[in-house]
Amino acid sequence: MVTTLITSKMQQLTTVNVKDKTMGFFSWHTNDTQEPIWNIWTGKAKTVHMFDNQGNSWREDNYEGYGDFGGKDYYELLAEMNGLDSDRGLGITLAFSGDPHITPNLAINPDWQWKDEPPLDHEGQGHWG
């Protein structure tokens, strides 16, 4: 079964096919510097670290735009942090549900300490202005 989520945020339509993990770009601003997280296709990518609320971190040097940081999927981690199974689809559903939840942090600083503050979405999806 393929689950498709369609969300509309700020007049922007994003379709995510949960079965095919790489549909569409995901990007945010870092929690520490508020810089957009650019994907490698822009030539502006920087090393970014993803942090959970248990003190774990993942380093990503070449972000491709699909939510994977250092081999860990952002939405799988979001699901895990909220007591759900490690499932990207569950994480995406929770992220866009409007229900209370905690999220991973994304930072340039490798010594960042997790805070209960979600990273802001980057409307350009890590590629466009």
Protein backbone atom coordinates (compact mmCIF):
# COMPACT_ATOMS: atom_id res chain seq x y z
CA MET A 1 0.00 0.00 0.00
CA VAL A 2 1.34 3.42 -0.93
CA THR A 3 0.46 6.26 1.37
CA THR A 4 0.47 9.72 -0.17
CA LEU A 5 0.27 12.82 1.96
CA ILE A 6 -0.61 16.14 0.42
CA THR A 7 0.01 19.21 2.50
CA SER A 8 -0.41 22.84 1.62
CA LYS A 9 1.72 25.35 3.48
CA MET A 10 1.84 29.02 2.54
CA GLN A 11 0.39 28.45 -0.93
CA GLN A 12 3.05 25.81 -1.65
CA LEU A 13 1.92 22.28 -2.50
CA THR A 14 4.22 19.41 -1.56
CA THR A 15 3.42 15.79 -2.38
CA VAL A 16 5.28 13.07 -0.52
CA ASN A 17 5.09 9.43 -1.58
CA VAL A 18 6.00 7.61 1.63
CA LYS A 19 6.82 4.31 -0.10
CA ASP A 20 9.37 5.93 -2.42
CA LYS A 21 11.43 7.71 0.21
CA THR A 22 13.04 10.24 -2.13
CA MET A 23 10.03 12.10 -3.52
CA GLY A 24 10.38 15.85 -3.01
CA PHE A 25 12.94 17.95 -1.18
CA PHE A 26 12.80 18.65 2.54
CA SER A 27 14.75 21.46 4.08
CA TRP A 28 14.84 23.61 7.15
CA HIS A 29 16.77 26.46 8.71
CA THR A 30 19.36 25.46 11.29
CA ASN A 31 18.37 25.89 14.93
CA ASP A 32 21.64 27.64 15.82
CA THR A 33 22.31 30.08 12.95
CA GLN A 34 18.89 30.14 11.24
CA GLU A 35 20.66 29.56 7.89
CA PRO A 36 18.80 27.56 5.23
CA ILE A 37 20.10 24.02 4.84
CA TRP A 38 21.06 23.96 1.18
CA ASN A 39 21.27 20.69 -0.71
CA ILE A 40 24.39 19.66 -2.63
CA TRP A 41 22.80 20.49 -5.98
CA THR A 42 23.03 24.23 -5.15
CA GLY A 43 26.78 24.30 -4.52
CA LYS A 44 26.04 26.01 -1.16
CA ALA A 45 25.78 22.94 1.10
CA LYS A 46 27.50 23.01 4.50
CA THR A 47 28.08 20.34 7.10
CA VAL A 48 24.95 20.03 9.26
CA HIS A 49 24.39 18.00 12.42
CA MET A 50 21.07 16.48 13.50
CA PHE A 51 20.39 16.05 17.24
CA ASP A 52 17.82 14.12 19.22
CA ASN A 53 16.65 14.72 22.79
CA GLN A 54 18.80 11.84 24.12
CA GLY A 55 22.19 13.39 23.23
CA ASN A 56 22.72 11.52 19.95
CA SER A 57 23.87 13.30 16.81
CA TRP A 58 24.40 12.57 13.12
CA ARG A 59 26.77 14.50 10.84
CA GLU A 60 25.87 15.21 7.22
CA ASP A 61 28.51 16.67 4.90
CA ASN A 62 26.60 16.39 1.60
CA TYR A 63 22.88 16.92 2.21
CA GLU A 64 20.94 15.69 -0.83
CA GLY A 65 17.61 17.23 0.20
CA TYR A 66 15.66 14.10 1.13
CA GLY A 67 15.76 14.38 4.93
CA ASP A 68 18.71 12.03 5.49
CA PHE A 69 21.44 13.29 7.84
CA GLY A 70 24.44 11.04 8.42
CA GLY A 71 22.46 7.96 7.45
CA LYS A 72 19.52 8.79 9.75
CA ASP A 73 16.18 9.91 8.35
CA TYR A 74 14.77 13.07 9.97
CA TYR A 75 11.20 11.79 9.97
CA GLU A 76 12.11 8.33 11.29
CA LEU A 77 13.93 10.06 14.15
CA LEU A 78 10.95 12.35 14.75
CA ALA A 79 8.72 9.27 15.06
CA GLU A 80 11.17 7.58 17.45
CA MET A 81 11.48 10.71 19.61
CA ASN A 82 7.71 10.69 20.06
CA GLY A 83 7.45 7.03 21.10
CA LEU A 84 6.37 5.70 17.70
CA ASP A 85 7.95 2.96 15.61
CA SER A 86 10.97 3.99 13.52
CA ASP A 87 8.85 4.73 10.45
CA ARG A 88 9.29 7.64 8.05
CA GLY A 89 5.60 7.68 7.14
CA LEU A 90 4.53 7.92 10.79
CA GLY A 91 7.01 10.75 11.33
CA ILE A 92 5.77 12.69 8.30
CA THR A 93 2.16 12.19 9.37
CA LEU A 94 2.91 13.43 12.89
CA ALA A 95 4.99 16.38 11.64
CA PHE A 96 2.14 17.72 9.52
CA SER A 97 -0.73 16.70 11.82
CA GLY A 98 -0.82 19.79 14.02
CA ASP A 99 -0.61 17.50 17.07
CA PRO A 100 1.96 18.33 19.77
CA HIS A 101 5.31 16.61 19.26
CA ILE A 102 9.03 17.12 19.66
CA THR A 103 11.42 17.28 16.73
CA PRO A 104 15.09 16.75 15.94
CA ASN A 105 17.29 19.84 15.96
CA LEU A 106 19.54 20.75 13.04
CA ALA A 107 22.69 22.80 13.60
CA ILE A 108 25.98 23.85 12.07
CA ASN A 109 27.66 23.73 15.52
CA PRO A 110 28.66 20.12 16.32
CA ASP A 111 28.42 20.92 20.05
CA TRP A 112 24.80 22.09 19.89
CA GLN A 113 22.59 20.97 22.77
CA TRP A 114 19.07 19.84 21.82
CA LYS A 115 16.24 22.24 22.67
CA ASP A 116 12.50 21.72 22.41
CA GLU A 117 12.33 24.07 19.42
CA PRO A 118 11.58 22.75 15.94
CA PRO A 119 13.74 23.99 13.07
CA LEU A 120 11.90 26.39 10.78
CA ASP A 121 10.92 25.10 7.35
CA HIS A 122 12.90 26.49 4.42
CA GLU A 123 10.28 27.45 1.84
CA GLY A 124 12.81 27.08 -0.97
CA GLN A 125 13.17 23.39 -0.03
CA GLY A 126 16.96 23.69 0.21
CA HIS A 127 17.31 24.54 -3.45
CA TRP A 128 15.50 27.74 -4.35
CA GLY A 129 16.06 31.17 -2.78
